[in-house]
Protein backbone atom coordinates (compact mmCIF):
# COMPACT_ATOMS: atom_id res chain seq x y z
CA MET A 1 22.11 9.72 -5.41
CA PRO A 2 20.91 10.01 -1.35
CA LYS A 3 17.91 7.86 -1.05
CA VAL A 4 15.11 8.82 1.83
CA GLY A 5 13.13 7.07 3.38
CA ILE A 6 9.18 6.48 3.85
CA THR A 7 6.44 4.99 5.99
CA THR A 8 3.87 4.81 3.61
CA THR A 9 2.73 6.22 0.72
CA VAL A 10 3.91 10.66 0.55
CA PRO A 11 4.00 12.46 -2.47
CA VAL A 12 6.99 11.13 -4.03
CA GLU A 13 7.12 13.81 -6.54
CA ILE A 14 8.96 15.89 -4.42
CA ILE A 15 11.51 13.37 -3.71
CA TYR A 16 12.06 12.89 -6.89
CA ALA A 17 12.14 16.46 -7.89
CA ALA A 18 15.18 16.78 -5.37
CA GLY A 19 17.25 14.34 -7.13
CA TRP A 20 16.98 11.77 -3.58
CA VAL A 21 15.63 8.31 -4.42
CA PRO A 22 12.50 6.72 -1.72
CA VAL A 23 12.31 3.57 -0.51
CA ASP A 24 9.10 2.18 1.23
CA LEU A 25 10.31 0.43 4.30
CA ASN A 26 7.02 -1.78 4.34
CA ASN A 27 8.62 -3.30 1.12
CA VAL A 28 11.83 -3.68 2.47
CA PHE A 29 10.65 -5.15 5.00
CA ILE A 30 8.43 -7.51 3.84
CA THR A 31 11.10 -8.38 1.17
CA ASP A 32 13.72 -9.65 3.47
CA LYS A 33 15.27 -13.07 3.11
CA ASN A 34 14.00 -12.82 7.52
CA PRO A 35 11.62 -10.37 7.98
CA GLN A 36 10.63 -12.92 11.21
CA ALA A 37 13.59 -11.29 12.59
CA LEU A 38 13.50 -8.04 11.64
CA VAL A 39 10.87 -8.14 13.96
CA GLU A 40 12.46 -10.09 16.59
CA GLU A 41 15.55 -7.77 16.57
CA ALA A 42 12.61 -4.88 17.33
CA GLU A 43 11.44 -6.88 20.11
CA LEU A 44 15.31 -7.26 21.35
CA ALA A 45 15.53 -3.53 21.06
CA GLY A 46 12.28 -3.24 23.52
CA TYR A 47 9.58 -2.81 21.03
CA PRO A 48 6.67 -4.83 22.86
CA ARG A 49 5.19 -7.89 21.73
CA ASN A 50 1.57 -6.48 21.17
CA LEU A 51 2.76 -3.60 18.50
CA CYS A 52 1.90 -3.92 15.02
CA ALA A 53 4.73 -6.17 13.40
CA TRP A 54 5.20 -3.30 10.45
CA ILE A 55 6.00 -0.93 13.23
CA LYS A 56 8.77 -2.71 14.73
CA GLY A 57 9.81 -4.63 11.22
CA ILE A 58 10.63 -0.98 9.38
CA TYR A 59 12.58 0.18 13.23
CA SER A 60 14.81 -3.10 12.35
CA THR A 61 14.77 -2.03 8.44
CA VAL A 62 16.08 1.47 9.30
CA LEU A 63 19.26 0.71 11.63
CA ASN A 64 20.15 -2.27 8.51
CA ASN A 65 20.42 -0.40 6.13
CA THR A 66 22.62 2.50 6.78
CA ASP A 67 22.63 4.18 3.48
CA ILE A 68 18.94 5.80 5.08
CA GLY A 69 20.23 8.65 6.91
CA THR A 70 16.43 10.00 6.49
CA ILE A 71 12.98 9.38 7.07
CA ILE A 72 9.51 10.81 5.61
CA ALA A 73 7.39 10.21 8.35
CA VAL A 74 3.22 10.31 8.00
CA THR A 75 2.41 11.55 11.66
CA GLN A 76 -1.44 12.15 10.11
CA GLY A 77 -3.40 9.70 7.97
CA ASP A 78 -0.99 5.93 8.27
CA CYS A 79 -0.17 4.34 12.21
CA SER A 80 -0.41 6.73 15.41
CA ASN A 81 2.63 4.32 16.07
CA THR A 82 4.52 6.13 13.67
CA HIS A 83 4.72 8.64 15.96
CA ALA A 84 6.66 6.55 18.65
CA LEU A 85 8.89 4.94 15.66
CA MET A 86 9.94 8.72 14.62
CA GLU A 87 11.21 9.22 18.45
CA THR A 88 13.22 6.27 18.42
CA LEU A 89 14.46 6.47 14.81
CA GLN A 90 16.10 10.09 16.29
CA LEU A 91 17.45 8.63 19.26
CA ALA A 92 19.32 6.54 15.98
CA GLY A 93 20.60 9.52 14.94
CA LEU A 94 18.12 9.94 11.63
CA GLU A 95 16.84 12.76 11.27
CA VAL A 96 13.27 12.62 10.53
CA VAL A 97 10.93 14.65 8.69
CA PRO A 98 7.50 14.46 9.52
CA PHE A 99 4.49 14.82 6.64
CA ALA A 100 0.47 15.21 7.42
CA TYR A 101 -2.84 14.22 5.34
CA PRO A 102 -5.34 16.59 6.59
CA TYR A 103 -7.94 14.06 8.15
CA ASP A 104 -10.77 16.50 7.12
CA ARG A 105 -8.85 16.61 3.65
CA ASP A 106 -8.74 20.09 3.68
CA PRO A 107 -6.47 21.14 0.18
CA ASP A 108 -4.88 24.47 1.99
CA MET A 109 -3.56 22.08 4.35
CA LEU A 110 -2.50 19.46 2.62
CA ARG A 111 -0.95 22.08 0.24
CA LEU A 112 0.34 23.54 3.09
CA GLN A 113 2.49 20.34 4.03
CA MET A 114 3.42 19.81 0.86
CA GLU A 115 5.40 23.28 -0.01
CA LYS A 116 6.90 22.32 3.73
CA MET A 117 7.99 19.01 2.42
CA MET A 118 9.22 20.89 -0.78
CA SER A 119 10.97 23.61 1.29
CA ARG A 120 12.54 20.76 3.14
CA PHE A 121 14.18 19.33 -0.09
CA GLY A 122 15.01 22.37 -1.70
CA VAL A 123 12.36 22.37 -5.06
CA SER A 124 10.00 24.51 -6.89
CA TRP A 125 5.85 23.28 -7.86
CA ASP A 126 7.66 23.25 -12.02
CA GLN A 127 9.71 20.18 -10.54
CA VAL A 128 7.23 19.12 -8.87
CA HIS A 129 4.58 18.84 -11.65
CA GLU A 130 7.44 17.60 -14.41
CA GLN A 131 7.65 15.16 -11.82
CA LYS A 132 4.07 13.69 -12.08
CA GLU A 133 4.29 14.05 -15.80
CA ARG A 134 7.27 11.78 -15.37
CA LEU A 135 5.29 9.52 -12.57
CA ASP A 136 1.88 9.18 -14.09
CA PHE A 137 3.84 7.78 -17.57
CA VAL A 138 5.04 4.70 -14.78
CA ARG A 139 1.49 4.91 -13.45
CA SER A 140 -0.37 4.17 -16.45
CA LYS A 141 1.31 0.59 -16.91
CA VAL A 142 0.36 -0.26 -13.77
CA TRP A 143 -3.67 0.77 -14.43
CA GLU A 144 -3.00 -1.19 -17.43
CA ILE A 145 -2.48 -4.32 -15.25
CA ASP A 146 -5.27 -3.29 -13.06
CA ARG A 147 -7.67 -2.81 -16.03
CA LEU A 148 -6.57 -6.88 -17.42
CA THR A 149 -6.98 -8.13 -13.66
CA TRP A 150 -10.93 -6.84 -13.38
CA GLN A 151 -12.06 -6.39 -17.00
CA GLU A 152 -10.06 -8.92 -19.18
CA ASN A 153 -9.33 -11.68 -16.19
CA LEU A 154 -5.84 -11.51 -17.10
CA VAL A 155 -3.71 -10.76 -14.25
CA GLY A 156 -3.91 -13.06 -11.09
CA GLY A 157 -4.61 -11.09 -7.87
CA TRP A 158 -0.69 -11.24 -6.48
CA ASP A 159 0.60 -9.78 -9.61
CA ASN A 160 -2.16 -6.82 -9.37
CA HIS A 161 -1.04 -6.42 -5.89
CA ILE A 162 2.52 -6.34 -6.13
CA TYR A 163 2.83 -4.20 -9.08
CA GLN A 164 0.44 -1.18 -7.54
CA VAL A 165 2.30 -2.03 -3.99
CA SER A 166 5.07 -0.83 -5.78
CA CYS A 167 4.20 2.39 -7.05
CA SER A 168 4.66 3.48 -3.21
CA ASP A 169 7.93 4.21 -4.33
CA PHE A 170 9.17 2.81 -8.09
CA ASN A 171 11.62 0.69 -6.90
CA GLY A 172 13.74 3.65 -6.96
CA GLU A 173 14.00 3.32 -10.30
CA PRO A 174 10.77 4.76 -12.16
CA GLU A 175 11.98 4.07 -15.87
CA LYS A 176 13.01 0.06 -15.22
CA PHE A 177 9.50 -0.27 -13.16
CA ALA A 178 8.14 1.14 -16.15
CA ASP A 179 9.90 -1.18 -18.53
CA GLU A 180 9.75 -4.17 -16.24
CA ALA A 181 5.15 -3.30 -16.31
CA SER A 182 5.52 -2.75 -20.27
CA VAL A 183 6.93 -6.50 -20.20
CA PHE A 184 4.49 -8.01 -18.12
CA LEU A 185 2.07 -6.54 -19.76
CA GLU A 186 3.40 -8.21 -23.24
CA LYS A 187 3.00 -11.82 -21.53
CA ALA A 188 -0.49 -11.01 -20.00
CA ARG A 189 -2.28 -9.74 -23.20
CA SER A 190 -0.36 -13.46 -24.27
CA GLN A 191 -2.83 -15.37 -22.04
CA PRO A 192 -6.25 -16.89 -22.66
CA PRO A 193 -8.73 -15.57 -19.83
CA ARG A 194 -9.56 -16.99 -16.65
CA GLN A 195 -12.77 -18.39 -16.02
CA GLY A 196 -15.58 -19.39 -13.61
CA GLU A 197 -13.62 -17.75 -11.06
CA LEU A 198 -15.57 -15.95 -7.16
CA ARG A 199 -14.85 -12.72 -8.10
CA LEU A 200 -13.02 -11.41 -4.95
CA GLY A 201 -12.06 -7.65 -3.10
CA TYR A 202 -9.14 -7.27 -0.91
CA ILE A 203 -9.92 -4.02 1.65
CA GLY A 204 -7.41 -3.24 3.66
CA VAL A 205 -3.82 -2.98 4.41
CA PRO A 206 -1.73 -5.00 2.20
CA PRO A 207 -1.42 -8.13 3.81
CA ILE A 208 1.56 -9.03 5.99
CA VAL A 209 1.04 -13.13 4.27
CA GLY A 210 1.67 -13.27 0.42
CA GLU A 211 0.81 -16.82 0.46
CA LEU A 212 -3.02 -15.45 0.50
CA TYR A 213 -3.57 -15.09 -3.22
CA GLY A 214 -1.96 -17.85 -4.80
CA TYR A 215 -4.04 -20.05 -1.49
CA LEU A 216 -7.76 -18.41 -3.10
CA GLU A 217 -6.50 -18.91 -6.55
CA GLU A 218 -5.72 -22.95 -5.88
CA ARG A 219 -9.31 -22.61 -4.84
CA GLY A 220 -10.67 -21.23 -8.20
CA ALA A 221 -11.33 -17.56 -6.31
CA ARG A 222 -9.63 -14.86 -7.56
CA VAL A 223 -8.88 -11.31 -6.10
CA VAL A 224 -9.39 -8.30 -8.53
CA TYR A 225 -9.61 -5.36 -6.37
CA ASN A 226 -6.69 -4.71 -4.37
CA GLU A 227 -8.10 -1.60 -2.25
CA THR A 228 -4.98 -0.04 -0.74
CA GLN A 229 -2.99 -0.96 -3.35
CA ARG A 230 -4.82 0.82 -6.34
CA GLN A 231 -4.89 3.72 -4.25
CA PHE A 232 -0.51 3.68 -4.23
CA THR A 233 -1.03 4.29 -8.32
CA MET A 234 -2.89 7.42 -8.06
CA PRO A 235 -5.55 5.99 -10.94
CA PHE A 236 -7.41 9.77 -10.75
CA ALA A 237 -7.72 12.32 -13.86
CA THR A 238 -6.10 15.53 -12.67
CA LEU A 239 -3.72 17.44 -13.25
CA ASP A 240 -3.66 19.48 -10.20
CA ILE A 241 -0.86 17.27 -7.75
CA VAL A 242 -2.69 18.93 -4.54
CA GLU A 243 -6.33 17.32 -6.10
CA GLN A 244 -3.86 13.84 -6.17
CA TYR A 245 -3.82 13.46 -2.96
CA GLN A 246 -6.77 15.07 -2.05
CA LEU A 247 -8.23 11.98 -3.41
CA TYR A 248 -5.96 9.25 -2.47
CA THR A 249 -8.16 7.37 -0.12
CA TYR A 250 -5.82 5.70 2.39
CA PRO A 251 -5.16 8.79 5.19
CA TYR A 252 -8.50 9.99 5.16
CA GLY A 253 -11.63 8.52 7.01
CA ILE A 254 -13.11 4.51 6.73
CA PHE A 255 -16.86 6.32 5.55
CA PHE A 256 -14.10 8.44 2.56
CA ARG A 257 -13.12 5.26 1.91
CA LEU A 258 -15.87 3.31 1.19
CA GLU A 259 -17.39 5.46 -1.03
CA GLU A 260 -14.77 4.17 -3.79
CA ILE A 261 -15.10 0.83 -2.53
CA ARG A 262 -18.68 -0.12 -3.13
CA ARG A 263 -18.17 2.09 -6.62
CA GLU A 264 -15.26 -0.23 -7.66
CA ALA A 265 -17.24 -3.25 -6.31
CA ASP A 266 -20.19 -2.76 -8.36
CA ARG A 267 -17.75 -2.16 -11.38
CA ARG A 268 -15.71 -4.45 -10.52
CA ARG A 269 -19.26 -6.98 -10.28
CA LEU A 270 -17.19 -8.76 -7.14
CA ASP A 271 -18.56 -11.49 -5.52
CA GLY A 272 -17.62 -10.87 -2.00
CA ILE A 273 -14.94 -9.15 0.29
CA ILE A 274 -12.03 -10.29 2.42
CA HIS A 275 -11.52 -7.11 5.03
CA TYR A 276 -7.65 -7.36 6.23
CA ALA A 277 -6.65 -5.93 9.25
CA GLN A 278 -2.95 -6.08 10.82
CA SER A 279 -3.01 -7.40 14.98
CA PHE A 280 -2.55 -4.45 17.34
CA CYS A 281 -4.20 -1.29 14.59
CA PHE A 282 -6.79 1.24 15.16
CA ARG A 283 -7.92 0.15 11.74
CA GLN A 284 -9.62 -2.88 13.54
CA ILE A 285 -12.09 -1.02 14.75
CA GLU A 286 -13.16 -0.05 11.09
CA ASP A 287 -14.50 -3.34 11.00
CA LEU A 288 -17.39 -3.34 12.71
CA ILE A 289 -18.28 0.10 9.89
CA ILE A 290 -17.37 -1.74 7.09
CA ARG A 291 -20.00 -4.42 7.76
CA GLN A 292 -23.06 -2.24 8.31
CA LYS A 293 -22.04 0.12 5.29
CA LEU A 294 -21.13 -2.55 2.15
CA ASP A 295 -23.28 -5.30 0.95
CA LEU A 296 -21.22 -7.86 0.18
CA PRO A 297 -19.96 -10.92 2.23
CA VAL A 298 -17.44 -10.17 4.42
CA LEU A 299 -14.83 -12.17 5.44
CA THR A 300 -12.56 -10.34 8.33
CA LEU A 301 -8.87 -12.07 8.62
CA GLU A 302 -6.04 -11.28 11.05
CA GLY A 303 -2.37 -11.38 10.51
CA ASP A 304 0.36 -10.38 12.97
CA LYS A 305 3.60 -11.52 12.43
CA PRO A 306 5.32 -12.65 8.28
CA ALA A 307 4.68 -16.19 7.85
CA ARG A 308 2.74 -18.82 6.19
CA LEU A 309 -0.69 -19.01 5.68
CA ASP A 310 -1.77 -21.05 9.11
CA ALA A 311 -4.27 -24.02 8.92
CA ARG A 312 -7.46 -21.97 10.56
CA THR A 313 -6.89 -18.92 8.31
CA ARG A 314 -6.81 -21.79 5.52
CA LEU A 315 -10.06 -23.55 7.03
CA ARG A 316 -12.05 -19.79 7.60
CA LEU A 317 -10.95 -18.86 3.79
CA ASP A 318 -12.42 -21.93 2.02
CA VAL A 319 -15.37 -22.02 4.54
CA PHE A 320 -16.21 -18.28 2.82
CA LEU A 321 -15.66 -19.19 -0.50
CA ASP A 322 -18.29 -22.58 -0.38
CA MET A 323 -20.39 -19.62 0.88
CA LEU A 324 -19.87 -17.62 -1.86
CA ARG A 325 -20.34 -20.44 -4.19
C-alpha cells in the first residue's frame, strides 16, 4: 500500500479509506536512532539554526524515507514554518497536498477542506464514515488507557503519552495497534494502584525530550493529563466526522484549548501544570495567556533539540515539585 506522510494530525479516515498508509513524520523523526543527526542534516542543507527542530527533523526524515512520495501538510492550524517546509519538499520532487483547519472552526469551511482531500484520494463520505467506525474502535482502547491513568492510577505518564500520540496514524496498522493496546490494558489492570504522587498536567506540543516523564516519576510526581496527545485520540462522543475535527482543539485558538484544559484539570484533580514550549515556536507567546487564565501553578519548560534532560531543567522541575508539596 502507498504511504503518505503527515506533518500533524489530519483526518486519517480519508487516507485509510483510500487504501493508503498514513505516516506521522514527527513520530518517525523522534524515534529515529539518531534524531539529532536528522536536525543537523537539515541545517547542512540550508535550514537555519534558529528554526524549530521538529521542522528540520521532518525535512530530513522525508528525504531519508524514499517510499514516501506524497505529503499532507497542514497549512493552517499547526506551524507557520510548514509553508516553507512544503516548498523545500516540493523542490526535492515530492507531491504536497495542503490541508487547512479554519481558524474560527467554521464547519462549512472544515467540510470543504475534507472534501478537497477526499477528492484528491478518490473516496466518498460513506467510505470515510466506515473508516471512522473502524478507527473509533481502536481509539476506544486508548481512551481506556487514559482513564486508567487518571482515574485508577494504574498507568504512567510515558505510556499515556506514547499510546495517545500514536493515534495520529495508529503506527500504520490500526488492528495491530489495537491488539498491542489490549495487551497493555490487561497488564495495567493487574498492577497495584499508585499512591502518594503529585498529579500533573502536561500541555503544549509533545516534548522533544522523552526523559521528562520518567524523571518526574522518580521524583514522586506523575503526568495524568497529556493535553495535545489526548486530542490526537479524538475523545469526543460524536458520530459526525466533521464535528469530530471541529471539536479537536489543537489546531484552533488558545482560548478554545483553555476551556478543555480547565475541564480536565478539575476532573483529574491536578496539582500543577507543565507547559512545554518548543524553541522558535510561535506558541511560546501563548504562555502569557495560559498563565493569566489558569488558576493552577504553571511551570514553563522550553525544549530545543532532541537530547537528554539537562541539569538546569532537572533543577527547575525539582523546585516546582517542592513548591507544589
